[in-house]
Amino acid sequence: MKVMQIAKRISLMIMVNLLIMTVIMLVLGLLGVGRYVPSGGLGSLAVICLVWGFGGAFISLAMSRLMAKWFMGVKVIPPETNQPELSQLVRTVHDLARRAGLEVMPEVGIYESPEVNAFATGPSRSRALVAASTGLLRNLRAQEVAGVLGHEIAHVANGDMVTMTLIQGVVNSFVLFLAKILAFVASQAIRSRDDRGGSYMMQFLFEMVFQVVFSLLGSMVVCWFSRWREFRADAGGAQLAGRANMVEALRALKRLHDPALAAAEAAHGQAFQSLKISGKSGGLASLFSTHPPLDERIARLEQGLI
């Protein structure tokens, strides 16, 4: 990927996040709930934390399709395209969507990348985007591609994007709330009566520390749920595309994820797991993995456990 493309994506991401923060601050100011807490009471603090916790999560969800097109360079494929490979991709996604009972067909996109990957995003079942990388289409057979796409359509049908947003919003709110409360209590417990200015600085530092700690703990909860929803999406993909195709798709991903191949990709500056097709198989890192190990996913499908 060219340096200018990376810089453009980073700049756009920064701008989007600054815009979200600015909008939330303006809304809080207009509603008059932005006064300093705890002097405003726990109720006001809870409102502020809920607005911050859920506000950013839902704004990001609402903009998810647009952000995917910006950051990943996804190009939406017109349903009437006359390019055989792209037409086949659209037909496969729409066929799977109909089997899943989706009334509105998702947008189908493609993006240039050697990574073998696909993803689904969007604010709702009726406004979803399913995108595949060029690497996926080049390296997998039609049946394996169908298995991968069936997995992504299952995410859409299950409403996973909204569910993950709700969970992230709850975690964000609790992190902010608990960090502010404990920081206030800790700073008051050790502050000097004659050093009010220093107390505010101490409270700020405590708050930053508590936010980091609680964010790590909250991330473990979010990642655990993400791994669970991946198993559920595998089961959905097996129903939509066929269990054999789903298993073969995961086996193909495992084959392409061979450590030697991954190292070769890294040597050429490519991040094979940028969207985390597979997760860690053990250790502390596995607690922060959004996807279960491919071996475990394959075993569950073969044994009929999902």
C-alpha atoms as a PDB file:
ATOM      1  CA  MET A   1       0.000   0.000   0.000  1.00  0.00           C
ATOM      2  CA  LYS A   2       1.381   3.430  -0.898  1.00  0.00           C
ATOM      3  CA  VAL A   3       2.387   5.872   1.816  1.00  0.00           C
ATOM      4  CA  MET A   4      -0.064   8.483   0.550  1.00  0.00           C
ATOM      5  CA  GLN A   5      -2.963   6.002   0.787  1.00  0.00           C
ATOM      6  CA  ILE A   6      -2.056   5.129   4.375  1.00  0.00           C
ATOM      7  CA  ALA A   7      -1.742   8.811   5.277  1.00  0.00           C
ATOM      8  CA  LYS A   8      -5.118   9.534   3.700  1.00  0.00           C
ATOM      9  CA  ARG A   9      -6.864   6.784   5.660  1.00  0.00           C
ATOM     10  CA  ILE A  10      -5.261   7.833   8.958  1.00  0.00           C
ATOM     11  CA  SER A  11      -6.202  11.466   8.331  1.00  0.00           C
ATOM     12  CA  LEU A  12      -9.789  10.546   7.534  1.00  0.00           C
ATOM     13  CA  MET A  13     -10.033   8.408  10.686  1.00  0.00           C
ATOM     14  CA  ILE A  14      -8.696  11.253  12.839  1.00  0.00           C
ATOM     15  CA  MET A  15     -11.115  13.716  11.238  1.00  0.00           C
ATOM     16  CA  VAL A  16     -14.097  11.417  11.775  1.00  0.00           C
ATOM     17  CA  ASN A  17     -13.255  10.899  15.457  1.00  0.00           C
ATOM     18  CA  LEU A  18     -12.707  14.629  16.005  1.00  0.00           C
ATOM     19  CA  LEU A  19     -16.057  15.304  14.355  1.00  0.00           C
ATOM     20  CA  ILE A  20     -17.783  12.781  16.634  1.00  0.00           C
ATOM     21  CA  MET A  21     -16.216  14.309  19.748  1.00  0.00           C
ATOM     22  CA  THR A  22     -17.130  17.844  18.635  1.00  0.00           C
ATOM     23  CA  VAL A  23     -20.765  16.941  17.948  1.00  0.00           C
ATOM     24  CA  ILE A  24     -21.148  15.233  21.337  1.00  0.00           C
ATOM     25  CA  MET A  25     -19.581  18.193  23.149  1.00  0.00           C
ATOM     26  CA  LEU A  26     -21.935  20.611  21.369  1.00  0.00           C
ATOM     27  CA  VAL A  27     -24.980  18.510  22.243  1.00  0.00           C
ATOM     28  CA  LEU A  28     -23.918  18.273  25.897  1.00  0.00           C
ATOM     29  CA  GLY A  29     -23.401  22.030  25.977  1.00  0.00           C
ATOM     30  CA  LEU A  30     -26.821  22.759  24.475  1.00  0.00           C
ATOM     31  CA  LEU A  31     -28.533  20.385  26.924  1.00  0.00           C
ATOM     32  CA  GLY A  32     -26.671  21.886  29.880  1.00  0.00           C
ATOM     33  CA  VAL A  33     -25.512  18.542  31.250  1.00  0.00           C
ATOM     34  CA  GLY A  34     -21.810  19.162  30.846  1.00  0.00           C
ATOM     35  CA  ARG A  35     -21.226  20.776  34.229  1.00  0.00           C
ATOM     36  CA  TYR A  36     -18.459  19.427  36.387  1.00  0.00           C
ATOM     37  CA  VAL A  37     -19.333  16.247  38.223  1.00  0.00           C
ATOM     38  CA  PRO A  38     -19.433  15.011  41.034  1.00  0.00           C
ATOM     39  CA  SER A  39     -20.728  18.422  42.131  1.00  0.00           C
ATOM     40  CA  GLY A  40     -23.600  17.836  39.700  1.00  0.00           C
ATOM     41  CA  GLY A  41     -24.415  14.468  41.309  1.00  0.00           C
ATOM     42  CA  LEU A  42     -24.139  10.854  40.226  1.00  0.00           C
ATOM     43  CA  GLY A  43     -27.198  11.199  38.001  1.00  0.00           C
ATOM     44  CA  SER A  44     -25.527  13.862  35.872  1.00  0.00           C
ATOM     45  CA  LEU A  45     -22.320  11.845  35.779  1.00  0.00           C
ATOM     46  CA  ALA A  46     -24.234   8.778  34.600  1.00  0.00           C
ATOM     47  CA  VAL A  47     -25.923  10.796  31.843  1.00  0.00           C
ATOM     48  CA  ILE A  48     -22.606  12.172  30.627  1.00  0.00           C
ATOM     49  CA  CYS A  49     -20.986   8.726  30.633  1.00  0.00           C
ATOM     50  CA  LEU A  50     -23.927   7.169  28.792  1.00  0.00           C
ATOM     51  CA  VAL A  51     -23.882   9.903  26.158  1.00  0.00           C
ATOM     52  CA  TRP A  52     -20.136   9.536  25.646  1.00  0.00           C
ATOM     53  CA  GLY A  53     -20.194   5.741  25.859  1.00  0.00           C
ATOM     54  CA  PHE A  54     -23.065   5.137  23.461  1.00  0.00           C
ATOM     55  CA  GLY A  55     -22.800   8.297  21.374  1.00  0.00           C
ATOM     56  CA  GLY A  56     -19.495   7.528  19.754  1.00  0.00           C
ATOM     57  CA  ALA A  57     -20.376   3.852  19.289  1.00  0.00           C
ATOM     58  CA  PHE A  58     -23.667   4.574  17.511  1.00  0.00           C
ATOM     59  CA  ILE A  59     -22.266   7.373  15.363  1.00  0.00           C
ATOM     60  CA  SER A  60     -19.498   5.016  14.247  1.00  0.00           C
ATOM     61  CA  LEU A  61     -22.100   2.331  13.504  1.00  0.00           C
ATOM     62  CA  ALA A  62     -24.200   4.772  11.465  1.00  0.00           C
ATOM     63  CA  MET A  63     -21.133   5.726   9.430  1.00  0.00           C
ATOM     64  CA  SER A  64     -19.707   2.195   9.182  1.00  0.00           C
ATOM     65  CA  ARG A  65     -20.489   1.644   5.505  1.00  0.00           C
ATOM     66  CA  LEU A  66     -19.074   5.015   4.529  1.00  0.00           C
ATOM     67  CA  MET A  67     -15.981   4.486   6.669  1.00  0.00           C
ATOM     68  CA  ALA A  68     -15.396   1.056   5.083  1.00  0.00           C
ATOM     69  CA  LYS A  69     -15.468   2.647   1.658  1.00  0.00           C
ATOM     70  CA  TRP A  70     -13.086   5.389   2.775  1.00  0.00           C
ATOM     71  CA  PHE A  71     -10.607   3.418   4.863  1.00  0.00           C
ATOM     72  CA  MET A  72     -10.599   0.096   3.003  1.00  0.00           C
ATOM     73  CA  GLY A  73     -11.108   1.508  -0.477  1.00  0.00           C
ATOM     74  CA  VAL A  74     -14.213  -0.652  -0.985  1.00  0.00           C
ATOM     75  CA  LYS A  75     -15.900  -0.175  -4.350  1.00  0.00           C
ATOM     76  CA  VAL A  76     -19.568  -1.111  -4.505  1.00  0.00           C
ATOM     77  CA  ILE A  77     -20.380  -3.465  -7.391  1.00  0.00           C
ATOM     78  CA  PRO A  78     -23.462  -2.528  -9.432  1.00  0.00           C
ATOM     79  CA  PRO A  79     -25.893  -5.486  -9.494  1.00  0.00           C
ATOM     80  CA  GLU A  80     -26.079  -5.184 -13.290  1.00  0.00           C
ATOM     81  CA  THR A  81     -22.300  -5.421 -13.808  1.00  0.00           C
ATOM     82  CA  ASN A  82     -21.213  -7.328 -16.895  1.00  0.00           C
ATOM     83  CA  GLN A  83     -17.897  -8.511 -15.438  1.00  0.00           C
ATOM     84  CA  PRO A  84     -18.280 -12.279 -14.889  1.00  0.00           C
ATOM     85  CA  GLU A  85     -16.246 -12.550 -11.674  1.00  0.00           C
ATOM     86  CA  LEU A  86     -17.945  -9.571 -10.049  1.00  0.00           C
ATOM     87  CA  SER A  87     -21.381 -10.662 -11.262  1.00  0.00           C
ATOM     88  CA  GLN A  88     -20.811 -14.083  -9.678  1.00  0.00           C
ATOM     89  CA  LEU A  89     -19.825 -12.419  -6.400  1.00  0.00           C
ATOM     90  CA  VAL A  90     -23.020 -10.332  -6.341  1.00  0.00           C
ATOM     91  CA  ARG A  91     -25.198 -13.360  -7.184  1.00  0.00           C
ATOM     92  CA  THR A  92     -23.592 -15.437  -4.449  1.00  0.00           C
ATOM     93  CA  VAL A  93     -24.100 -12.768  -1.793  1.00  0.00           C
ATOM     94  CA  HIS A  94     -27.706 -12.099  -2.852  1.00  0.00           C
ATOM     95  CA  ASP A  95     -28.557 -15.823  -2.987  1.00  0.00           C
ATOM     96  CA  LEU A  96     -27.196 -16.286   0.526  1.00  0.00           C
ATOM     97  CA  ALA A  97     -29.039 -13.178   1.718  1.00  0.00           C
ATOM     98  CA  ARG A  98     -32.352 -14.533   0.403  1.00  0.00           C
ATOM     99  CA  ARG A  99     -31.757 -17.863   2.155  1.00  0.00           C
ATOM    100  CA  ALA A 100     -31.106 -15.916   5.359  1.00  0.00           C
ATOM    101  CA  GLY A 101     -34.466 -14.171   4.987  1.00  0.00           C
ATOM    102  CA  LEU A 102     -33.095 -10.686   4.349  1.00  0.00           C
ATOM    103  CA  GLU A 103     -35.754  -8.552   2.671  1.00  0.00           C
ATOM    104  CA  VAL A 104     -33.303  -5.901   1.434  1.00  0.00           C
ATOM    105  CA  MET A 105     -30.210  -7.112  -0.396  1.00  0.00           C
ATOM    106  CA  PRO A 106     -26.924  -5.851   1.061  1.00  0.00           C
ATOM    107  CA  GLU A 107     -24.506  -3.798  -0.963  1.00  0.00           C
ATOM    108  CA  VAL A 108     -21.705  -5.947  -2.374  1.00  0.00           C
ATOM    109  CA  GLY A 109     -18.219  -4.510  -2.603  1.00  0.00           C
ATOM    110  CA  ILE A 110     -14.684  -5.443  -3.468  1.00  0.00           C
ATOM    111  CA  TYR A 111     -11.363  -3.959  -2.406  1.00  0.00           C
ATOM    112  CA  GLU A 112      -7.809  -4.388  -3.635  1.00  0.00           C
ATOM    113  CA  SER A 113      -5.737  -6.404  -1.189  1.00  0.00           C
ATOM    114  CA  PRO A 114      -3.637  -9.583  -1.278  1.00  0.00           C
ATOM    115  CA  GLU A 115      -5.175 -10.532   2.079  1.00  0.00           C
ATOM    116  CA  VAL A 116      -7.636 -13.402   1.996  1.00  0.00           C
ATOM    117  CA  ASN A 117     -10.495 -11.673   3.762  1.00  0.00           C
ATOM    118  CA  ALA A 118     -14.096 -10.506   3.746  1.00  0.00           C
ATOM    119  CA  PHE A 119     -16.226  -8.513   6.155  1.00  0.00           C
ATOM    120  CA  ALA A 120     -19.765  -7.308   6.760  1.00  0.00           C
ATOM    121  CA  THR A 121     -20.708  -3.935   8.189  1.00  0.00           C
ATOM    122  CA  GLY A 122     -23.612  -1.519   8.302  1.00  0.00           C
ATOM    123  CA  PRO A 123     -26.046   0.024  10.774  1.00  0.00           C
ATOM    124  CA  SER A 124     -28.835  -2.538  10.226  1.00  0.00           C
ATOM    125  CA  ARG A 125     -29.922  -5.643   8.333  1.00  0.00           C
ATOM    126  CA  SER A 126     -31.471  -3.463   5.627  1.00  0.00           C
ATOM    127  CA  ARG A 127     -28.403  -1.230   5.232  1.00  0.00           C
ATOM    128  CA  ALA A 128     -25.564  -3.706   5.191  1.00  0.00           C
ATOM    129  CA  LEU A 129     -22.395  -3.959   3.141  1.00  0.00           C
ATOM    130  CA  VAL A 130     -20.577  -7.218   2.418  1.00  0.00           C
ATOM    131  CA  ALA A 131     -17.113  -6.770   0.952  1.00  0.00           C
ATOM    132  CA  ALA A 132     -14.520  -9.254  -0.274  1.00  0.00           C
ATOM    133  CA  SER A 133     -10.843  -8.734  -0.985  1.00  0.00           C
ATOM    134  CA  THR A 134      -9.330  -9.467  -4.377  1.00  0.00           C
ATOM    135  CA  GLY A 135      -7.046 -11.893  -2.544  1.00  0.00           C
ATOM    136  CA  LEU A 136     -10.070 -13.892  -1.401  1.00  0.00           C
ATOM    137  CA  LEU A 137     -11.390 -14.264  -4.947  1.00  0.00           C
ATOM    138  CA  ARG A 138      -7.975 -15.183  -6.344  1.00  0.00           C
ATOM    139  CA  ASN A 139      -6.982 -17.766  -3.756  1.00  0.00           C
ATOM    140  CA  LEU A 140     -10.210 -19.611  -2.871  1.00  0.00           C
ATOM    141  CA  ARG A 141     -12.452 -21.829  -4.927  1.00  0.00           C
ATOM    142  CA  ALA A 142     -16.077 -20.874  -5.563  1.00  0.00           C
ATOM    143  CA  GLN A 143     -17.384 -23.218  -2.836  1.00  0.00           C
ATOM    144  CA  GLU A 144     -14.911 -21.851  -0.308  1.00  0.00           C
ATOM    145  CA  VAL A 145     -15.798 -18.265  -1.220  1.00  0.00           C
ATOM    146  CA  ALA A 146     -19.463 -19.166  -0.678  1.00  0.00           C
ATOM    147  CA  GLY A 147     -18.618 -20.473   2.795  1.00  0.00           C
ATOM    148  CA  VAL A 148     -16.812 -17.248   3.731  1.00  0.00           C
ATOM    149  CA  LEU A 149     -19.645 -15.103   2.368  1.00  0.00           C
ATOM    150  CA  GLY A 150     -22.230 -17.266   4.133  1.00  0.00           C
ATOM    151  CA  HIS A 151     -20.429 -16.527   7.392  1.00  0.00           C
ATOM    152  CA  GLU A 152     -20.601 -12.773   6.689  1.00  0.00           C
ATOM    153  CA  ILE A 153     -24.278 -12.885   5.710  1.00  0.00           C
ATOM    154  CA  ALA A 154     -24.957 -14.723   8.973  1.00  0.00           C
ATOM    155  CA  HIS A 155     -23.415 -11.764  10.802  1.00  0.00           C
ATOM    156  CA  VAL A 156     -25.873  -9.463   9.005  1.00  0.00           C
ATOM    157  CA  ALA A 157     -28.875 -11.731   9.629  1.00  0.00           C
ATOM    158  CA  ASN A 158     -27.963 -12.055  13.324  1.00  0.00           C
ATOM    159  CA  GLY A 159     -27.723  -8.284  13.710  1.00  0.00           C
ATOM    160  CA  ASP A 160     -24.200  -8.641  15.066  1.00  0.00           C
ATOM    161  CA  MET A 161     -23.122  -5.111  14.133  1.00  0.00           C
ATOM    162  CA  VAL A 162     -25.845  -3.549  16.311  1.00  0.00           C
ATOM    163  CA  THR A 163     -25.291  -6.048  19.136  1.00  0.00           C
ATOM    164  CA  MET A 164     -21.562  -5.361  19.246  1.00  0.00           C
ATOM    165  CA  THR A 165     -22.273  -1.626  19.271  1.00  0.00           C
ATOM    166  CA  LEU A 166     -24.608  -1.993  22.254  1.00  0.00           C
ATOM    167  CA  ILE A 167     -22.064  -4.066  24.170  1.00  0.00           C
ATOM    168  CA  GLN A 168     -19.266  -1.637  23.359  1.00  0.00           C
ATOM    169  CA  GLY A 169     -21.484   1.261  24.451  1.00  0.00           C
ATOM    170  CA  VAL A 170     -22.232  -0.394  27.793  1.00  0.00           C
ATOM    171  CA  VAL A 171     -18.537  -1.140  28.378  1.00  0.00           C
ATOM    172  CA  ASN A 172     -17.528   2.410  27.401  1.00  0.00           C
ATOM    173  CA  SER A 173     -20.108   3.881  29.792  1.00  0.00           C
ATOM    174  CA  PHE A 174     -19.024   1.725  32.731  1.00  0.00           C
ATOM    175  CA  VAL A 175     -15.341   2.471  32.072  1.00  0.00           C
ATOM    176  CA  LEU A 176     -15.961   6.228  32.116  1.00  0.00           C
ATOM    177  CA  PHE A 177     -18.299   6.104  35.126  1.00  0.00           C
ATOM    178  CA  LEU A 178     -16.134   3.895  37.336  1.00  0.00           C
ATOM    179  CA  ALA A 179     -12.925   5.686  36.371  1.00  0.00           C
ATOM    180  CA  LYS A 180     -14.355   9.096  37.312  1.00  0.00           C
ATOM    181  CA  ILE A 181     -15.832   7.883  40.593  1.00  0.00           C
ATOM    182  CA  LEU A 182     -12.727   6.027  41.760  1.00  0.00           C
ATOM    183  CA  ALA A 183     -10.433   8.839  40.626  1.00  0.00           C
ATOM    184  CA  PHE A 184     -12.475  11.343  42.642  1.00  0.00           C
ATOM    185  CA  VAL A 185     -12.471   9.122  45.726  1.00  0.00           C
ATOM    186  CA  ALA A 186      -8.730   8.375  45.470  1.00  0.00           C
ATOM    187  CA  SER A 187      -7.746  12.009  44.953  1.00  0.00           C
ATOM    188  CA  GLN A 188      -9.937  13.166  47.854  1.00  0.00           C
ATOM    189  CA  ALA A 189      -8.457  10.514  50.136  1.00  0.00           C
ATOM    190  CA  ILE A 190      -4.871  11.666  49.671  1.00  0.00           C
ATOM    191  CA  ARG A 191      -5.199  15.363  48.801  1.00  0.00           C
ATOM    192  CA  SER A 192      -3.999  18.164  51.032  1.00  0.00           C
ATOM    193  CA  ARG A 193      -6.530  20.760  52.192  1.00  0.00           C
ATOM    194  CA  ASP A 194      -4.245  23.541  50.971  1.00  0.00           C
ATOM    195  CA  ASP A 195      -3.550  22.026  47.567  1.00  0.00           C
ATOM    196  CA  ARG A 196      -6.822  22.114  45.654  1.00  0.00           C
ATOM    197  CA  GLY A 197      -5.098  22.761  42.308  1.00  0.00           C
ATOM    198  CA  GLY A 198      -2.825  19.763  42.821  1.00  0.00           C
ATOM    199  CA  SER A 199      -5.860  17.684  43.759  1.00  0.00           C
ATOM    200  CA  TYR A 200      -7.474  18.353  40.380  1.00  0.00           C
ATOM    201  CA  MET A 201      -4.298  17.274  38.608  1.00  0.00           C
ATOM    202  CA  MET A 202      -4.068  14.149  40.770  1.00  0.00           C
ATOM    203  CA  GLN A 203      -7.703  13.330  40.015  1.00  0.00           C
ATOM    204  CA  PHE A 204      -7.036  13.660  36.295  1.00  0.00           C
ATOM    205  CA  LEU A 205      -4.033  11.329  36.495  1.00  0.00           C
ATOM    206  CA  PHE A 206      -5.978   8.763  38.535  1.00  0.00           C
ATOM    207  CA  GLU A 207      -8.789   8.929  36.003  1.00  0.00           C
ATOM    208  CA  MET A 208      -6.416   8.211  33.104  1.00  0.00           C
ATOM    209  CA  VAL A 209      -4.947   5.219  34.937  1.00  0.00           C
ATOM    210  CA  PHE A 210      -8.341   3.792  35.866  1.00  0.00           C
ATOM    211  CA  GLN A 211      -9.604   4.259  32.307  1.00  0.00           C
ATOM    212  CA  VAL A 212      -6.678   2.249  30.940  1.00  0.00           C
ATOM    213  CA  VAL A 213      -7.198  -0.558  33.472  1.00  0.00           C
ATOM    214  CA  PHE A 214     -10.965  -0.747  33.033  1.00  0.00           C
ATOM    215  CA  SER A 215     -10.663  -0.470  29.261  1.00  0.00           C
ATOM    216  CA  LEU A 216      -8.408  -3.529  29.212  1.00  0.00           C
ATOM    217  CA  LEU A 217     -10.856  -5.479  31.368  1.00  0.00           C
ATOM    218  CA  GLY A 218     -13.777  -4.277  29.255  1.00  0.00           C
ATOM    219  CA  SER A 219     -11.959  -5.293  26.078  1.00  0.00           C
ATOM    220  CA  MET A 220     -11.713  -8.838  27.397  1.00  0.00           C
ATOM    221  CA  VAL A 221     -15.515  -8.925  27.774  1.00  0.00           C
ATOM    222  CA  VAL A 222     -16.091  -7.479  24.296  1.00  0.00           C
ATOM    223  CA  CYS A 223     -13.601  -9.917  22.738  1.00  0.00           C
ATOM    224  CA  TRP A 224     -15.188 -12.887  24.530  1.00  0.00           C
ATOM    225  CA  PHE A 225     -18.579 -11.982  23.072  1.00  0.00           C
ATOM    226  CA  SER A 226     -17.003 -11.417  19.648  1.00  0.00           C
ATOM    227  CA  ARG A 227     -15.540 -14.936  19.699  1.00  0.00           C
ATOM    228  CA  TRP A 228     -18.945 -16.340  20.654  1.00  0.00           C
ATOM    229  CA  ARG A 229     -20.657 -14.527  17.784  1.00  0.00           C
ATOM    230  CA  GLU A 230     -18.035 -15.927  15.368  1.00  0.00           C
ATOM    231  CA  PHE A 231     -19.062 -19.463  16.321  1.00  0.00           C
ATOM    232  CA  ARG A 232     -22.695 -18.473  15.774  1.00  0.00           C
ATOM    233  CA  ALA A 233     -21.831 -16.974  12.375  1.00  0.00           C
ATOM    234  CA  ASP A 234     -20.002 -20.201  11.447  1.00  0.00           C
ATOM    235  CA  ALA A 235     -23.176 -22.124  12.258  1.00  0.00           C
ATOM    236  CA  GLY A 236     -25.206 -19.685  10.169  1.00  0.00           C
ATOM    237  CA  GLY A 237     -22.735 -19.951   7.310  1.00  0.00           C
ATOM    238  CA  ALA A 238     -22.993 -23.741   7.449  1.00  0.00           C
ATOM    239  CA  GLN A 239     -26.793 -23.509   7.125  1.00  0.00           C
ATOM    240  CA  LEU A 240     -26.680 -20.982   4.286  1.00  0.00           C
ATOM    241  CA  ALA A 241     -23.751 -22.250   2.205  1.00  0.00           C
ATOM    242  CA  GLY A 242     -23.573 -25.860   3.362  1.00  0.00           C
ATOM    243  CA  ARG A 243     -21.576 -27.327   6.239  1.00  0.00           C
ATOM    244  CA  ALA A 244     -18.996 -28.858   3.892  1.00  0.00           C
ATOM    245  CA  ASN A 245     -18.387 -25.543   2.154  1.00  0.00           C
ATOM    246  CA  MET A 246     -18.053 -23.756   5.497  1.00  0.00           C
ATOM    247  CA  VAL A 247     -15.509 -26.313   6.729  1.00  0.00           C
ATOM    248  CA  GLU A 248     -13.566 -26.154   3.467  1.00  0.00           C
ATOM    249  CA  ALA A 249     -13.524 -22.363   3.653  1.00  0.00           C
ATOM    250  CA  LEU A 250     -11.987 -22.460   7.134  1.00  0.00           C
ATOM    251  CA  ARG A 251      -9.496 -25.109   6.061  1.00  0.00           C
ATOM    252  CA  ALA A 252      -8.468 -22.928   3.124  1.00  0.00           C
ATOM    253  CA  LEU A 253      -7.974 -19.978   5.459  1.00  0.00           C
ATOM    254  CA  LYS A 254      -5.895 -22.161   7.752  1.00  0.00           C
ATOM    255  CA  ARG A 255      -3.810 -23.366   4.819  1.00  0.00           C
ATOM    256  CA  LEU A 256      -3.179 -19.798   3.676  1.00  0.00           C
ATOM    257  CA  HIS A 257      -2.442 -18.789   7.251  1.00  0.00           C
ATOM    258  CA  ASP A 258       0.555 -21.094   7.424  1.00  0.00           C
ATOM    259  CA  PRO A 259       3.241 -19.303   9.525  1.00  0.00           C
ATOM    260  CA  ALA A 260       5.764 -19.417   6.675  1.00  0.00           C
ATOM    261  CA  LEU A 261       3.289 -17.794   4.310  1.00  0.00           C
ATOM    262  CA  ALA A 262       2.323 -15.212   6.916  1.00  0.00           C
ATOM    263  CA  ALA A 263       6.014 -14.360   7.439  1.00  0.00           C
ATOM    264  CA  ALA A 264       6.489 -13.987   3.698  1.00  0.00           C
ATOM    265  CA  GLU A 265       3.521 -11.632   3.547  1.00  0.00           C
ATOM    266  CA  ALA A 266       4.905  -9.605   6.449  1.00  0.00           C
ATOM    267  CA  ALA A 267       8.272  -9.347   4.706  1.00  0.00           C
ATOM    268  CA  HIS A 268       6.497  -7.651   1.817  1.00  0.00           C
ATOM    269  CA  GLY A 269       4.810  -5.190   4.152  1.00  0.00           C
ATOM    270  CA  GLN A 270       1.402  -6.844   4.134  1.00  0.00           C
ATOM    271  CA  ALA A 271      -0.590  -7.444   7.340  1.00  0.00           C
ATOM    272  CA  PHE A 272      -2.243 -10.804   6.803  1.00  0.00           C
ATOM    273  CA  GLN A 273      -4.487 -10.502   9.863  1.00  0.00           C
ATOM    274  CA  SER A 274      -5.507  -6.853   9.572  1.00  0.00           C
ATOM    275  CA  LEU A 275      -9.120  -7.897  10.130  1.00  0.00           C
ATOM    276  CA  LYS A 276      -8.195 -10.906  12.277  1.00  0.00           C
ATOM    277  CA  ILE A 277      -9.474 -13.835  10.230  1.00  0.00           C
ATOM    278  CA  SER A 278      -8.238 -16.134  12.986  1.00  0.00           C
ATOM    279  CA  GLY A 279      -7.423 -15.728  16.645  1.00  0.00           C
ATOM    280  CA  LYS A 280      -4.704 -16.749  19.060  1.00  0.00           C
ATOM    281  CA  SER A 281      -4.775 -20.337  20.271  1.00  0.00           C
ATOM    282  CA  GLY A 282      -3.524 -19.760  23.791  1.00  0.00           C
ATOM    283  CA  GLY A 283      -1.945 -17.491  26.355  1.00  0.00           C
ATOM    284  CA  LEU A 284      -2.915 -14.030  27.490  1.00  0.00           C
ATOM    285  CA  ALA A 285      -3.189 -12.758  23.903  1.00  0.00           C
ATOM    286  CA  SER A 286      -6.117 -15.140  23.298  1.00  0.00           C
ATOM    287  CA  LEU A 287      -8.207 -13.130  25.786  1.00  0.00           C
ATOM    288  CA  PHE A 288      -7.953 -10.120  23.476  1.00  0.00           C
ATOM    289  CA  SER A 289      -8.620 -12.001  20.243  1.00  0.00           C
ATOM    290  CA  THR A 290     -11.885 -11.187  18.472  1.00  0.00           C
ATOM    291  CA  HIS A 291     -11.870 -14.487  16.541  1.00  0.00           C
ATOM    292  CA  PRO A 292     -11.443 -18.052  17.861  1.00  0.00           C
ATOM    293  CA  PRO A 293      -8.586 -20.210  16.509  1.00  0.00           C
ATOM    294  CA  LEU A 294      -9.376 -21.754  13.121  1.00  0.00           C
ATOM    295  CA  ASP A 295      -8.687 -25.276  14.430  1.00  0.00           C
ATOM    296  CA  GLU A 296     -11.364 -24.877  17.094  1.00  0.00           C
ATOM    297  CA  ARG A 297     -13.876 -23.473  14.609  1.00  0.00           C
ATOM    298  CA  ILE A 298     -13.271 -26.347  12.201  1.00  0.00           C
ATOM    299  CA  ALA A 299     -13.524 -28.955  14.982  1.00  0.00           C
ATOM    300  CA  ARG A 300     -16.855 -27.561  16.231  1.00  0.00           C
ATOM    301  CA  LEU A 301     -18.341 -27.636  12.736  1.00  0.00           C
ATOM    302  CA  GLU A 302     -17.099 -31.152  12.007  1.00  0.00           C
ATOM    303  CA  GLN A 303     -18.405 -32.436  15.338  1.00  0.00           C
ATOM    304  CA  GLY A 304     -21.761 -30.745  14.885  1.00  0.00           C
ATOM    305  CA  LEU A 305     -21.292 -28.656  18.047  1.00  0.00           C
ATOM    306  CA  ILE A 306     -22.442 -25.507  16.241  1.00  0.00           C
END
